[in-house]
Amino acid sequence: MKDFNLNNKPKIKTGFQIPNNYFEQFEAKIMEQLPKKEVKIVSLFHRKQVLISSIAAVLLVMIAIPIYFNNTKTNTLERATLETATLETATLETYLANEYSTYDIIDKLTTDDIMALENDLSLNDDAVEAYLLDTQNLDYYLNQ
């Protein structure tokens, strides 16, 4: 075998050569070989719209549920209060009628209480006449 030095001429050729303009055309050739995919484009506004709609729906539900349950409780309480008020009024009237006479009740009332009762009881002739017509013992009232 012969000794050779790379610094001397003639150099040994490797057998490999690069074609002319190979690196200038390399990127274009690779891009042609890649499969072309259609990319689905989703706008950012659509995502924001879904997010905003979701937040609005949650807030609406958060506001509507307490209002619904408060109305239900209020209606139930109003019915219970009316029944209780009717019961309490009837019980109070019965108690006062059995325990005290009319004169005892009048003695307990102050002048302000009497004036308030007079203002609350607005009787006109039509109301008195309607009451007397509805009352069965009209003769009793007329004789006294």
Protein backbone atom coordinates (compact mmCIF):
# COMPACT_ATOMS: atom_id res chain seq x y z
CA MET A 1 0.00 0.00 0.00
CA LYS A 2 1.16 3.42 -0.85
CA ASP A 3 1.48 6.19 1.72
CA PHE A 4 -0.57 9.23 1.01
CA ASN A 5 -0.79 12.63 2.56
CA LEU A 6 -3.96 14.77 2.29
CA ASN A 7 -1.96 17.93 1.94
CA ASN A 8 -0.31 16.73 -1.23
CA LYS A 9 -1.73 16.83 -4.69
CA PRO A 10 -3.51 14.95 -6.35
CA LYS A 11 -6.21 14.37 -3.76
CA ILE A 12 -8.33 11.24 -3.74
CA LYS A 13 -11.91 11.81 -4.82
CA THR A 14 -14.62 10.38 -2.55
CA GLY A 15 -17.04 9.46 -5.27
CA PHE A 16 -19.82 11.61 -3.87
CA GLN A 17 -20.86 14.85 -5.55
CA ILE A 18 -23.52 17.40 -4.69
CA PRO A 19 -25.73 18.43 -7.60
CA ASN A 20 -25.76 22.05 -8.64
CA ASN A 21 -28.30 24.27 -6.67
CA TYR A 22 -29.10 21.31 -4.42
CA PHE A 23 -29.49 23.32 -1.19
CA GLU A 24 -31.49 26.10 -2.88
CA GLN A 25 -34.08 23.59 -4.11
CA PHE A 26 -34.00 21.30 -1.05
CA GLU A 27 -36.75 23.10 0.95
CA ALA A 28 -39.13 23.27 -2.02
CA LYS A 29 -38.72 19.53 -2.74
CA ILE A 30 -39.39 18.55 0.89
CA MET A 31 -42.51 20.76 1.09
CA GLU A 32 -43.88 19.12 -2.09
CA GLN A 33 -43.46 15.67 -0.58
CA LEU A 34 -45.32 16.49 2.67
CA PRO A 35 -49.07 15.64 2.69
CA LYS A 36 -51.26 18.70 2.47
CA LYS A 37 -53.82 18.89 5.32
CA GLU A 38 -56.70 21.26 5.55
CA VAL A 39 -56.46 22.99 8.91
CA LYS A 40 -59.77 23.70 10.62
CA ILE A 41 -59.85 27.34 11.65
CA VAL A 42 -61.77 28.19 14.81
CA SER A 43 -61.98 31.83 15.60
CA LEU A 44 -61.18 33.04 19.09
CA PHE A 45 -64.42 35.02 19.16
CA HIS A 46 -66.46 31.80 18.96
CA ARG A 47 -64.72 30.45 22.04
CA LYS A 48 -65.28 33.72 23.86
CA GLN A 49 -68.95 33.68 22.84
CA VAL A 50 -69.43 30.19 24.30
CA LEU A 51 -67.62 31.20 27.48
CA ILE A 52 -69.64 34.39 27.89
CA SER A 53 -72.91 32.53 27.24
CA SER A 54 -72.00 29.91 29.84
CA ILE A 55 -71.19 32.53 32.45
CA ALA A 56 -74.44 34.38 31.72
CA ALA A 57 -76.47 31.17 32.10
CA VAL A 58 -74.83 30.36 35.43
CA LEU A 59 -75.47 33.87 36.75
CA LEU A 60 -79.09 33.72 35.61
CA VAL A 61 -79.62 30.44 37.43
CA MET A 62 -77.90 31.80 40.55
CA ILE A 63 -80.27 34.77 40.59
CA ALA A 64 -83.43 32.88 39.63
CA ILE A 65 -83.25 30.07 42.20
CA PRO A 66 -83.29 32.27 45.33
CA ILE A 67 -86.05 34.44 43.86
CA TYR A 68 -88.17 31.35 43.13
CA PHE A 69 -87.70 29.88 46.59
CA ASN A 70 -88.30 33.24 48.31
CA ASN A 71 -91.59 33.65 46.43
CA THR A 72 -92.64 30.15 47.41
CA LYS A 73 -91.77 30.80 51.07
CA THR A 74 -93.48 34.20 50.97
CA ASN A 75 -96.67 32.74 49.54
CA THR A 76 -96.65 29.98 52.15
CA LEU A 77 -95.97 32.49 54.93
CA GLU A 78 -98.72 34.81 53.68
CA ARG A 79 -101.24 31.98 53.71
CA ALA A 80 -100.12 30.89 57.16
CA THR A 81 -100.25 34.49 58.42
CA LEU A 82 -103.76 35.00 57.07
CA GLU A 83 -104.95 31.79 58.70
CA THR A 84 -103.24 32.70 61.96
CA ALA A 85 -104.58 36.26 61.85
CA THR A 86 -108.11 34.97 61.29
CA LEU A 87 -107.72 32.49 64.11
CA GLU A 88 -106.22 35.08 66.42
CA THR A 89 -108.95 37.62 65.64
CA ALA A 90 -111.71 35.11 66.32
CA THR A 91 -110.01 33.94 69.51
CA LEU A 92 -109.48 37.50 70.69
CA GLU A 93 -113.09 38.48 70.00
CA THR A 94 -114.37 35.44 71.88
CA TYR A 95 -112.07 36.12 74.81
CA LEU A 96 -113.05 39.79 75.03
CA ALA A 97 -116.75 39.01 74.75
CA ASN A 98 -116.60 36.43 77.53
CA GLU A 99 -114.26 38.24 79.94
CA TYR A 100 -115.11 41.92 79.61
CA SER A 101 -118.22 43.96 79.08
CA THR A 102 -118.40 46.75 76.52
CA TYR A 103 -118.01 49.37 79.25
CA ASP A 104 -114.85 47.69 80.62
CA ILE A 105 -113.29 47.75 77.16
CA ILE A 106 -114.19 51.41 76.65
CA ASP A 107 -112.62 52.30 79.99
CA LYS A 108 -109.36 50.65 78.92
CA LEU A 109 -109.16 52.60 75.62
CA THR A 110 -107.41 55.96 75.46
CA THR A 111 -108.66 58.96 73.53
CA ASP A 112 -106.12 58.28 70.78
CA ASP A 113 -107.36 54.70 70.45
CA ILE A 114 -110.96 55.87 70.14
CA MET A 115 -110.03 58.47 67.50
CA ALA A 116 -108.10 55.81 65.53
CA LEU A 117 -111.11 53.48 65.64
CA GLU A 118 -113.42 56.25 64.46
CA ASN A 119 -111.09 57.00 61.54
CA ASP A 120 -110.84 53.31 60.61
CA LEU A 121 -114.58 52.75 60.79
CA SER A 122 -115.96 54.82 57.98
CA LEU A 123 -119.66 54.09 58.06
CA ASN A 124 -121.98 55.64 55.56
CA ASP A 125 -125.73 55.28 55.21
CA ASP A 126 -125.46 52.64 52.50
CA ALA A 127 -123.22 50.42 54.66
CA VAL A 128 -125.54 50.70 57.68
CA GLU A 129 -128.59 49.95 55.53
CA ALA A 130 -126.92 46.92 53.97
CA TYR A 131 -125.97 45.60 57.43
CA LEU A 132 -129.49 46.06 58.75
CA LEU A 133 -131.00 44.29 55.74
CA ASP A 134 -128.63 41.34 56.21
CA THR A 135 -129.36 41.08 59.94
CA GLN A 136 -132.20 38.71 60.80
CA ASN A 137 -133.20 40.27 64.10
CA LEU A 138 -133.94 43.75 62.68
CA ASP A 139 -136.98 44.13 64.95
CA TYR A 140 -134.76 43.81 68.00
CA TYR A 141 -132.63 46.78 66.86
CA LEU A 142 -135.64 48.86 65.90
CA ASN A 143 -137.34 48.37 69.29
CA GLN A 144 -134.30 49.45 71.27
